[in-house]
Amino acid sequence: MNREQSLKLYYENPNHCKECGKVIEVLDNQRVADVRKKQFCSHSCAASYNNRGRIKHDENKICPRCGKPKHKDSEMCRSCWEELNGIGNKTLGYYTSGQKYLSSKCQEIRTNARRVLESSEREKVCQYCHNHEFDAILEVHHLKGILEFDEDTLIKEINNENNLVWLCPNHHIMLEKGLISLE
């Protein structure tokens, strides 16, 4: 079969677009075999056909648990994820077992404690001197120390808002060394 015969056969039985049904046009310089592989008349039709049934971005930005906004790539919002999988549901033993140094044991727990206090309604001021001069560098202090809890205590109990206070760096060190008291 020569080229003229194959083109005649093609034009008698043209290829149709899967999306819109239009005939896929054959240019003179295209081979018939290449054109027969085409399923769509344009990139637009191919995208419409292939994206049908996918969740639109707006629908994908709502948390299925609480209905609040979430990141488009996440399964749920941050607060729901924290509630189910976050640090608060892990035990102290999860962080302390296998760790060699105190700072590495407690760093993530301290970071979470700061987040807890920052999200609370409590005024951000040193609980000892009540001086707002040091607000930018305040530190979080655990009234009952992190390592004073049992290994099976949940982090959300250790970082309970009632166990945390804001202190300026000087008063934090003084309190840790027993030079001052908060009572």
N, C-alpha and C. Protein backbone atom coordinates (compact mmCIF):
# COMPACT_ATOMS: atom_id res chain seq x y z
N MET A 1 0.85 -1.18 0.00
CA MET A 1 0.00 0.00 0.00
C MET A 1 0.90 1.24 0.00
N ASN A 2 0.64 2.12 -0.96
CA ASN A 2 1.45 3.33 -1.04
C ASN A 2 0.84 4.45 -0.19
N ARG A 3 1.53 5.56 -0.16
CA ARG A 3 1.11 6.68 0.68
C ARG A 3 -0.27 7.20 0.30
N GLU A 4 -0.54 7.33 -0.97
CA GLU A 4 -1.83 7.85 -1.43
C GLU A 4 -2.97 6.94 -1.00
N GLN A 5 -2.75 5.65 -1.08
CA GLN A 5 -3.81 4.71 -0.69
C GLN A 5 -4.05 4.76 0.82
N SER A 6 -2.97 4.87 1.61
CA SER A 6 -3.15 4.91 3.06
C SER A 6 -3.83 6.21 3.50
N LEU A 7 -3.51 7.34 2.84
CA LEU A 7 -4.18 8.60 3.17
C LEU A 7 -5.66 8.55 2.79
N LYS A 8 -5.96 7.94 1.64
CA LYS A 8 -7.34 7.81 1.22
C LYS A 8 -8.12 6.98 2.23
N LEU A 9 -7.50 5.89 2.71
CA LEU A 9 -8.13 5.03 3.70
C LEU A 9 -8.34 5.80 5.01
N TYR A 10 -7.35 6.60 5.38
CA TYR A 10 -7.45 7.37 6.61
C TYR A 10 -8.59 8.39 6.53
N TYR A 11 -8.67 9.10 5.42
CA TYR A 11 -9.71 10.12 5.29
C TYR A 11 -11.10 9.50 5.26
N GLU A 12 -11.21 8.28 4.79
CA GLU A 12 -12.51 7.61 4.77
C GLU A 12 -12.92 7.19 6.18
N ASN A 13 -11.93 6.85 7.04
CA ASN A 13 -12.19 6.45 8.43
C ASN A 13 -11.36 7.34 9.37
N PRO A 14 -11.76 8.58 9.54
CA PRO A 14 -10.93 9.51 10.31
C PRO A 14 -10.92 9.18 11.81
N ASN A 15 -9.87 9.66 12.45
CA ASN A 15 -9.71 9.54 13.90
C ASN A 15 -10.49 10.67 14.56
N HIS A 16 -11.21 10.37 15.65
CA HIS A 16 -12.00 11.39 16.33
C HIS A 16 -11.43 11.65 17.73
N CYS A 17 -11.55 12.89 18.18
CA CYS A 17 -11.09 13.30 19.51
C CYS A 17 -11.97 12.65 20.57
N LYS A 18 -11.34 12.10 21.62
CA LYS A 18 -12.09 11.44 22.70
C LYS A 18 -12.92 12.43 23.51
N GLU A 19 -12.50 13.69 23.55
CA GLU A 19 -13.19 14.68 24.38
C GLU A 19 -14.32 15.37 23.63
N CYS A 20 -14.00 15.97 22.50
CA CYS A 20 -15.01 16.78 21.82
C CYS A 20 -15.63 16.10 20.60
N GLY A 21 -15.01 15.02 20.11
CA GLY A 21 -15.57 14.29 18.97
C GLY A 21 -15.18 14.84 17.62
N LYS A 22 -14.43 15.94 17.58
CA LYS A 22 -14.01 16.50 16.30
C LYS A 22 -13.03 15.56 15.60
N VAL A 23 -13.00 15.67 14.28
CA VAL A 23 -12.07 14.86 13.50
C VAL A 23 -10.67 15.42 13.71
N ILE A 24 -9.71 14.52 13.99
CA ILE A 24 -8.32 14.94 14.16
C ILE A 24 -7.74 15.10 12.76
N GLU A 25 -7.31 16.34 12.45
CA GLU A 25 -6.84 16.66 11.10
C GLU A 25 -5.46 16.09 10.85
N VAL A 26 -5.22 15.69 9.62
CA VAL A 26 -3.93 15.16 9.20
C VAL A 26 -3.28 16.20 8.30
N LEU A 27 -2.07 16.57 8.65
CA LEU A 27 -1.31 17.48 7.81
C LEU A 27 -0.58 16.66 6.75
N ASP A 28 -0.26 17.28 5.62
CA ASP A 28 0.38 16.57 4.52
C ASP A 28 1.73 15.98 4.92
N ASN A 29 2.45 16.64 5.82
CA ASN A 29 3.79 16.18 6.17
C ASN A 29 3.79 15.13 7.30
N GLN A 30 2.61 14.76 7.85
CA GLN A 30 2.53 13.78 8.93
C GLN A 30 2.31 12.38 8.36
N ARG A 31 2.93 11.41 9.03
CA ARG A 31 2.71 10.03 8.63
C ARG A 31 1.38 9.56 9.19
N VAL A 32 0.72 8.71 8.49
CA VAL A 32 -0.59 8.20 8.89
C VAL A 32 -0.48 7.44 10.21
N ALA A 33 0.60 6.66 10.39
CA ALA A 33 0.77 5.87 11.62
C ALA A 33 0.86 6.78 12.84
N ASP A 34 1.53 7.94 12.71
CA ASP A 34 1.66 8.88 13.84
C ASP A 34 0.31 9.50 14.19
N VAL A 35 -0.44 9.84 13.18
CA VAL A 35 -1.73 10.49 13.38
C VAL A 35 -2.71 9.52 14.04
N ARG A 36 -2.67 8.25 13.66
CA ARG A 36 -3.59 7.25 14.22
C ARG A 36 -3.38 7.10 15.73
N LYS A 37 -2.17 7.42 16.25
CA LYS A 37 -1.89 7.32 17.68
C LYS A 37 -2.54 8.45 18.46
N LYS A 38 -2.84 9.55 17.80
CA LYS A 38 -3.43 10.69 18.49
C LYS A 38 -4.85 10.36 18.93
N GLN A 39 -5.17 10.76 20.17
CA GLN A 39 -6.50 10.51 20.70
C GLN A 39 -7.29 11.79 20.89
N PHE A 40 -6.58 12.95 20.84
CA PHE A 40 -7.22 14.24 21.10
C PHE A 40 -6.82 15.23 20.02
N CYS A 41 -7.71 16.18 19.77
CA CYS A 41 -7.43 17.17 18.73
C CYS A 41 -6.53 18.29 19.24
N SER A 42 -6.45 18.48 20.58
CA SER A 42 -5.62 19.56 21.14
C SER A 42 -5.19 19.20 22.55
N HIS A 43 -4.24 19.97 23.06
CA HIS A 43 -3.79 19.78 24.45
C HIS A 43 -4.92 20.11 25.43
N SER A 44 -5.73 21.06 25.06
CA SER A 44 -6.85 21.45 25.92
C SER A 44 -7.84 20.29 26.10
N CYS A 45 -8.17 19.62 25.02
CA CYS A 45 -9.09 18.47 25.10
C CYS A 45 -8.46 17.34 25.91
N ALA A 46 -7.17 17.12 25.73
CA ALA A 46 -6.48 16.06 26.48
C ALA A 46 -6.52 16.36 27.97
N ALA A 47 -6.27 17.62 28.35
CA ALA A 47 -6.29 18.01 29.76
C ALA A 47 -7.68 17.87 30.35
N SER A 48 -8.69 18.31 29.62
CA SER A 48 -10.07 18.20 30.11
C SER A 48 -10.46 16.74 30.33
N TYR A 49 -10.09 15.88 29.40
CA TYR A 49 -10.43 14.46 29.50
C TYR A 49 -9.69 13.80 30.67
N ASN A 50 -8.39 14.07 30.79
CA ASN A 50 -7.56 13.42 31.81
C ASN A 50 -7.81 13.96 33.22
N ASN A 51 -8.28 15.19 33.34
CA ASN A 51 -8.51 15.78 34.67
C ASN A 51 -9.93 15.59 35.16
N ARG A 52 -10.78 14.99 34.37
CA ARG A 52 -12.16 14.76 34.78
C ARG A 52 -12.16 13.81 35.98
N GLY A 53 -12.89 14.14 37.02
CA GLY A 53 -12.97 13.29 38.20
C GLY A 53 -11.96 13.62 39.28
N ARG A 54 -11.01 14.47 38.98
CA ARG A 54 -10.05 14.86 40.00
C ARG A 54 -10.67 15.92 40.90
N ILE A 55 -10.19 15.97 42.15
CA ILE A 55 -10.71 16.96 43.11
C ILE A 55 -10.14 18.32 42.75
N LYS A 56 -11.00 19.31 42.71
CA LYS A 56 -10.56 20.66 42.42
C LYS A 56 -9.84 21.21 43.65
N HIS A 57 -8.93 22.18 43.43
CA HIS A 57 -8.11 22.72 44.51
C HIS A 57 -8.94 23.31 45.65
N ASP A 58 -10.04 23.98 45.35
CA ASP A 58 -10.84 24.60 46.40
C ASP A 58 -11.46 23.56 47.31
N GLU A 59 -11.88 22.44 46.74
CA GLU A 59 -12.48 21.38 47.54
C GLU A 59 -11.43 20.68 48.39
N ASN A 60 -10.18 20.76 47.97
CA ASN A 60 -9.08 20.05 48.63
C ASN A 60 -8.46 20.86 49.76
N LYS A 61 -8.97 22.05 50.07
CA LYS A 61 -8.37 22.91 51.09
C LYS A 61 -9.15 22.91 52.40
N ILE A 62 -10.07 21.98 52.58
CA ILE A 62 -10.88 21.90 53.79
C ILE A 62 -10.55 20.60 54.53
N CYS A 63 -10.33 20.72 55.84
CA CYS A 63 -10.02 19.55 56.67
C CYS A 63 -11.27 18.67 56.79
N PRO A 64 -11.16 17.37 56.51
CA PRO A 64 -12.34 16.50 56.60
C PRO A 64 -12.80 16.24 58.04
N ARG A 65 -11.92 16.44 59.04
CA ARG A 65 -12.29 16.21 60.44
C ARG A 65 -13.05 17.37 61.04
N CYS A 66 -12.55 18.61 60.82
CA CYS A 66 -13.14 19.76 61.50
C CYS A 66 -13.75 20.80 60.56
N GLY A 67 -13.46 20.72 59.26
CA GLY A 67 -14.02 21.67 58.30
C GLY A 67 -13.25 22.97 58.20
N LYS A 68 -12.13 23.10 58.92
CA LYS A 68 -11.31 24.31 58.85
C LYS A 68 -10.38 24.24 57.65
N PRO A 69 -9.83 25.38 57.23
CA PRO A 69 -8.90 25.37 56.08
C PRO A 69 -7.64 24.57 56.39
N LYS A 70 -7.08 23.95 55.35
CA LYS A 70 -5.84 23.18 55.49
C LYS A 70 -5.00 23.39 54.24
N HIS A 71 -3.75 22.95 54.29
CA HIS A 71 -2.88 23.03 53.12
C HIS A 71 -3.37 22.02 52.08
N LYS A 72 -3.29 22.36 50.82
CA LYS A 72 -3.84 21.51 49.76
C LYS A 72 -3.20 20.13 49.69
N ASP A 73 -1.96 19.99 50.14
CA ASP A 73 -1.27 18.70 50.07
C ASP A 73 -1.42 17.86 51.34
N SER A 74 -1.99 18.43 52.40
CA SER A 74 -2.14 17.72 53.67
C SER A 74 -3.46 16.99 53.75
N GLU A 75 -3.49 15.92 54.53
CA GLU A 75 -4.72 15.17 54.72
C GLU A 75 -5.70 15.92 55.62
N MET A 76 -5.17 16.67 56.61
CA MET A 76 -6.01 17.39 57.55
C MET A 76 -5.29 18.65 58.01
N CYS A 77 -6.00 19.52 58.74
CA CYS A 77 -5.39 20.76 59.21
C CYS A 77 -4.35 20.45 60.29
N ARG A 78 -3.51 21.42 60.59
CA ARG A 78 -2.42 21.22 61.55
C ARG A 78 -2.93 20.86 62.94
N SER A 79 -3.99 21.53 63.40
CA SER A 79 -4.47 21.25 64.75
C SER A 79 -5.03 19.83 64.86
N CYS A 80 -5.73 19.34 63.84
CA CYS A 80 -6.24 17.95 63.87
C CYS A 80 -5.08 16.97 63.80
N TRP A 81 -4.07 17.27 62.98
CA TRP A 81 -2.92 16.39 62.89
C TRP A 81 -2.18 16.33 64.23
N GLU A 82 -1.98 17.52 64.84
CA GLU A 82 -1.31 17.57 66.14
C GLU A 82 -2.09 16.78 67.18
N GLU A 83 -3.41 16.89 67.12
CA GLU A 83 -4.26 16.17 68.08
C GLU A 83 -4.08 14.67 67.95
N LEU A 84 -3.96 14.17 66.72
CA LEU A 84 -3.85 12.73 66.49
C LEU A 84 -2.41 12.21 66.54
N ASN A 85 -1.48 12.94 65.93
CA ASN A 85 -0.12 12.43 65.74
C ASN A 85 0.97 13.26 66.39
N GLY A 86 0.62 14.41 66.92
CA GLY A 86 1.64 15.35 67.37
C GLY A 86 2.35 14.93 68.65
N ILE A 87 3.22 15.81 69.06
CA ILE A 87 4.07 15.58 70.22
C ILE A 87 3.25 15.36 71.50
N GLY A 88 2.11 15.98 71.62
CA GLY A 88 1.31 15.89 72.84
C GLY A 88 0.86 14.48 73.17
N ASN A 89 0.71 13.62 72.18
CA ASN A 89 0.26 12.24 72.41
C ASN A 89 1.41 11.25 72.57
N LYS A 90 2.63 11.75 72.60
CA LYS A 90 3.79 10.88 72.81
C LYS A 90 4.19 10.98 74.29
N THR A 91 4.89 9.96 74.76
CA THR A 91 5.29 9.94 76.17
C THR A 91 6.69 10.53 76.33
N LEU A 92 7.02 10.86 77.56
CA LEU A 92 8.35 11.36 77.86
C LEU A 92 9.40 10.32 77.51
N GLY A 93 9.08 9.05 77.74
CA GLY A 93 9.99 7.97 77.42
C GLY A 93 10.33 7.90 75.94
N TYR A 94 9.40 8.30 75.09
CA TYR A 94 9.64 8.33 73.64
C TYR A 94 10.82 9.25 73.31
N TYR A 95 10.93 10.37 74.05
CA TYR A 95 11.99 11.34 73.79
C TYR A 95 13.26 11.07 74.57
N THR A 96 13.16 10.49 75.77
CA THR A 96 14.34 10.34 76.61
C THR A 96 15.07 9.02 76.41
N SER A 97 14.39 7.99 75.99
CA SER A 97 15.08 6.70 75.84
C SER A 97 16.05 6.74 74.66
N GLY A 98 17.25 6.28 74.91
CA GLY A 98 18.27 6.24 73.86
C GLY A 98 18.99 7.54 73.63
N GLN A 99 18.62 8.61 74.31
CA GLN A 99 19.29 9.90 74.14
C GLN A 99 20.42 10.02 75.15
N LYS A 100 21.53 10.60 74.75
CA LYS A 100 22.69 10.66 75.62
C LYS A 100 22.74 11.95 76.43
N TYR A 101 22.34 13.07 75.85
CA TYR A 101 22.48 14.36 76.51
C TYR A 101 21.13 14.98 76.81
N LEU A 102 21.05 15.72 77.91
CA LEU A 102 19.80 16.34 78.36
C LEU A 102 19.24 17.30 77.32
N SER A 103 20.09 18.11 76.70
CA SER A 103 19.59 19.10 75.74
C SER A 103 18.90 18.43 74.56
N SER A 104 19.48 17.34 74.08
CA SER A 104 18.84 16.65 72.95
C SER A 104 17.58 15.93 73.40
N LYS A 105 17.50 15.53 74.66
CA LYS A 105 16.31 14.86 75.19
C LYS A 105 15.11 15.80 75.19
N CYS A 106 15.34 17.01 75.56
CA CYS A 106 14.22 17.90 75.89
C CYS A 106 13.96 19.01 74.88
N GLN A 107 14.76 19.13 73.83
CA GLN A 107 14.62 20.27 72.92
C GLN A 107 13.25 20.34 72.26
N GLU A 108 12.77 19.23 71.74
CA GLU A 108 11.46 19.23 71.07
C GLU A 108 10.34 19.48 72.07
N ILE A 109 10.50 19.00 73.29
CA ILE A 109 9.50 19.23 74.34
C ILE A 109 9.46 20.71 74.69
N ARG A 110 10.63 21.36 74.80
CA ARG A 110 10.68 22.80 75.10
C ARG A 110 10.08 23.63 73.96
N THR A 111 10.36 23.23 72.74
CA THR A 111 9.79 23.94 71.58
C THR A 111 8.27 23.86 71.61
N ASN A 112 7.74 22.69 71.93
CA ASN A 112 6.30 22.53 72.05
C ASN A 112 5.74 23.36 73.20
N ALA A 113 6.46 23.43 74.32
CA ALA A 113 6.01 24.22 75.47
C ALA A 113 5.89 25.70 75.09
N ARG A 114 6.85 26.19 74.33
CA ARG A 114 6.80 27.59 73.89
C ARG A 114 5.58 27.82 73.00
N ARG A 115 5.30 26.87 72.10
CA ARG A 115 4.14 26.97 71.22
C ARG A 115 2.84 26.99 72.04
N VAL A 116 2.80 26.17 73.09
CA VAL A 116 1.61 26.11 73.95
C VAL A 116 1.38 27.46 74.62
N LEU A 117 2.44 28.04 75.19
CA LEU A 117 2.29 29.34 75.87
C LEU A 117 1.97 30.47 74.90
N GLU A 118 2.57 30.45 73.72
CA GLU A 118 2.31 31.50 72.74
C GLU A 118 0.87 31.46 72.23
N SER A 119 0.29 30.28 72.16
CA SER A 119 -1.09 30.17 71.69
C SER A 119 -2.11 30.35 72.82
N SER A 120 -1.64 30.50 74.04
CA SER A 120 -2.56 30.68 75.18
C SER A 120 -2.97 32.15 75.30
N GLU A 121 -3.90 32.39 76.19
CA GLU A 121 -4.38 33.75 76.44
C GLU A 121 -3.50 34.51 77.44
N ARG A 122 -2.51 33.84 78.00
CA ARG A 122 -1.67 34.42 79.04
C ARG A 122 -0.82 35.57 78.50
N GLU A 123 -0.68 36.63 79.29
CA GLU A 123 0.14 37.77 78.90
C GLU A 123 1.60 37.35 78.82
N LYS A 124 2.29 37.79 77.78
CA LYS A 124 3.70 37.44 77.60
C LYS A 124 4.56 38.46 78.33
N VAL A 125 4.84 38.14 79.61
CA VAL A 125 5.65 39.00 80.47
C VAL A 125 6.32 38.11 81.52
N CYS A 126 7.50 38.51 81.99
CA CYS A 126 8.20 37.75 83.00
C CYS A 126 7.33 37.65 84.25
N GLN A 127 7.11 36.43 84.74
CA GLN A 127 6.23 36.20 85.90
C GLN A 127 6.88 36.62 87.21
N TYR A 128 8.17 36.93 87.19
CA TYR A 128 8.84 37.34 88.43
C TYR A 128 8.89 38.86 88.54
N CYS A 129 9.41 39.52 87.52
CA CYS A 129 9.58 40.98 87.61
C CYS A 129 8.48 41.76 86.92
N HIS A 130 7.67 41.13 86.09
CA HIS A 130 6.58 41.77 85.33
C HIS A 130 7.07 42.95 84.50
N ASN A 131 8.31 42.88 84.05
CA ASN A 131 8.93 43.94 83.27
C ASN A 131 8.79 43.60 81.78
N HIS A 132 8.15 44.49 81.03
CA HIS A 132 7.94 44.25 79.59
C HIS A 132 9.18 44.55 78.76
N GLU A 133 10.26 44.96 79.39
CA GLU A 133 11.49 45.29 78.69
C GLU A 133 12.11 44.05 78.02
N PHE A 134 11.85 42.87 78.56
CA PHE A 134 12.47 41.64 78.07
C PHE A 134 11.50 40.75 77.29
N ASP A 135 10.37 41.28 76.87
CA ASP A 135 9.36 40.46 76.19
C ASP A 135 9.89 39.73 74.95
N ALA A 136 10.82 40.36 74.25
CA ALA A 136 11.32 39.75 73.01
C ALA A 136 12.21 38.53 73.27
N ILE A 137 12.76 38.40 74.47
CA ILE A 137 13.68 37.30 74.75
C ILE A 137 13.21 36.40 75.90
N LEU A 138 11.93 36.42 76.18
CA LEU A 138 11.40 35.60 77.27
C LEU A 138 11.61 34.11 77.00
N GLU A 139 11.77 33.35 78.07
CA GLU A 139 11.95 31.91 78.00
C GLU A 139 10.80 31.23 78.72
N VAL A 140 10.56 29.97 78.37
CA VAL A 140 9.50 29.18 79.00
C VAL A 140 10.13 28.36 80.12
N HIS A 141 9.50 28.39 81.30
CA HIS A 141 9.97 27.60 82.44
C HIS A 141 8.89 26.60 82.84
N HIS A 142 9.31 25.35 83.07
CA HIS A 142 8.39 24.32 83.58
C HIS A 142 8.41 24.39 85.11
N LEU A 143 7.26 24.63 85.73
CA LEU A 143 7.20 24.68 87.20
C LEU A 143 7.63 23.34 87.79
N LYS A 144 7.11 22.26 87.24
CA LYS A 144 7.60 20.92 87.57
C LYS A 144 8.47 20.50 86.40
N GLY A 145 9.74 20.28 86.65
CA GLY A 145 10.71 20.01 85.59
C GLY A 145 10.33 18.83 84.70
N ILE A 146 10.81 18.86 83.48
CA ILE A 146 10.50 17.84 82.49
C ILE A 146 10.89 16.45 83.00
N LEU A 147 12.08 16.32 83.53
CA LEU A 147 12.58 15.01 83.95
C LEU A 147 12.06 14.59 85.32
N GLU A 148 11.24 15.42 85.96
CA GLU A 148 10.60 15.04 87.23
C GLU A 148 9.35 14.19 86.98
N PHE A 149 8.91 14.11 85.75
CA PHE A 149 7.74 13.30 85.40
C PHE A 149 8.16 11.87 85.13
N ASP A 150 7.21 10.93 85.23
CA ASP A 150 7.46 9.53 84.90
C ASP A 150 7.63 9.38 83.39
N GLU A 151 8.29 8.32 82.99
CA GLU A 151 8.55 8.04 81.57
C GLU A 151 7.27 7.87 80.75
N ASP A 152 6.18 7.41 81.39
CA ASP A 152 4.94 7.16 80.65
C ASP A 152 3.99 8.36 80.65
N THR A 153 4.45 9.51 81.14
CA THR A 153 3.63 10.73 81.14
C THR A 153 3.57 11.31 79.73
N LEU A 154 2.37 11.69 79.31
CA LEU A 154 2.20 12.31 77.99
C LEU A 154 2.78 13.72 77.98
N ILE A 155 3.33 14.12 76.84
CA ILE A 155 3.93 15.45 76.71
C ILE A 155 2.89 16.54 76.92
N LYS A 156 1.63 16.30 76.53
CA LYS A 156 0.60 17.32 76.74
C LYS A 156 0.34 17.56 78.23
N GLU A 157 0.64 16.59 79.10
CA GLU A 157 0.54 16.80 80.54
C GLU A 157 1.74 17.61 81.04
N ILE A 158 2.92 17.31 80.54
CA ILE A 158 4.13 18.03 80.94
C ILE A 158 4.04 19.48 80.48
N ASN A 159 3.57 19.69 79.25
CA ASN A 159 3.45 21.04 78.68
C ASN A 159 2.07 21.64 78.87
N ASN A 160 1.39 21.22 79.92
CA ASN A 160 0.10 21.83 80.26
C ASN A 160 0.33 23.29 80.60
N GLU A 161 -0.56 24.15 80.18
CA GLU A 161 -0.42 25.59 80.40
C GLU A 161 -0.23 25.93 81.88
N ASN A 162 -0.81 25.14 82.77
CA ASN A 162 -0.67 25.40 84.21
C ASN A 162 0.72 25.05 84.74
N ASN A 163 1.51 24.32 83.97
CA ASN A 163 2.87 23.96 84.40
C ASN A 163 3.92 24.86 83.74
N LEU A 164 3.50 25.85 82.98
CA LEU A 164 4.42 26.70 82.24
C LEU A 164 4.29 28.16 82.63
N VAL A 165 5.42 28.87 82.68
CA VAL A 165 5.42 30.32 82.93
C VAL A 165 6.47 30.97 82.04
N TRP A 166 6.26 32.26 81.74
CA TRP A 166 7.25 33.06 81.03
C TRP A 166 8.22 33.63 82.05
N LEU A 167 9.52 33.61 81.75
CA LEU A 167 10.54 34.25 82.59
C LEU A 167 11.59 34.90 81.70
N CYS A 168 12.13 36.03 82.17
CA CYS A 168 13.26 36.63 81.46
C CYS A 168 14.48 35.74 81.71
N PRO A 169 15.49 35.78 80.86
CA PRO A 169 16.64 34.88 80.99
C PRO A 169 17.31 34.93 82.37
N ASN A 170 17.49 36.14 82.94
CA ASN A 170 18.14 36.27 84.25
C ASN A 170 17.34 35.56 85.33
N HIS A 171 16.05 35.82 85.38
CA HIS A 171 15.22 35.21 86.43
C HIS A 171 15.05 33.71 86.19
N HIS A 172 15.10 33.28 84.93
CA HIS A 172 15.01 31.85 84.64
C HIS A 172 16.21 31.12 85.25
N ILE A 173 17.41 31.62 85.03
CA ILE A 173 18.62 31.00 85.58
C ILE A 173 18.60 31.06 87.11
N MET A 174 18.21 32.21 87.66
CA MET A 174 18.17 32.36 89.11
C MET A 174 17.18 31.36 89.73
N LEU A 175 16.04 31.16 89.09
CA LEU A 175 15.04 30.22 89.59
C LEU A 175 15.56 28.78 89.49
N GLU A 176 16.23 28.46 88.37
CA GLU A 176 16.81 27.12 88.19
C GLU A 176 17.85 26.81 89.27
N LYS A 177 18.62 27.82 89.67
CA LYS A 177 19.68 27.63 90.68
C LYS A 177 19.15 27.74 92.10
N GLY A 178 17.87 28.04 92.26
CA GLY A 178 17.27 28.13 93.59
C GLY A 178 17.54 29.45 94.32
N LEU A 179 17.97 30.49 93.59
CA LEU A 179 18.25 31.78 94.20
C LEU A 179 17.00 32.60 94.44
N ILE A 180 15.93 32.34 93.66
CA ILE A 180 14.65 33.04 93.84
C ILE A 180 13.53 32.01 93.80
N SER A 181 12.34 32.44 94.18
CA SER A 181 11.16 31.57 94.15
C SER A 181 10.00 32.36 93.57
N LEU A 182 9.09 31.66 92.91
CA LEU A 182 7.92 32.34 92.33
C LEU A 182 6.78 32.53 93.33
N GLU A 183 6.83 31.91 94.53
CA GLU A 183 5.76 32.09 95.51
C GLU A 183 5.79 33.46 96.11
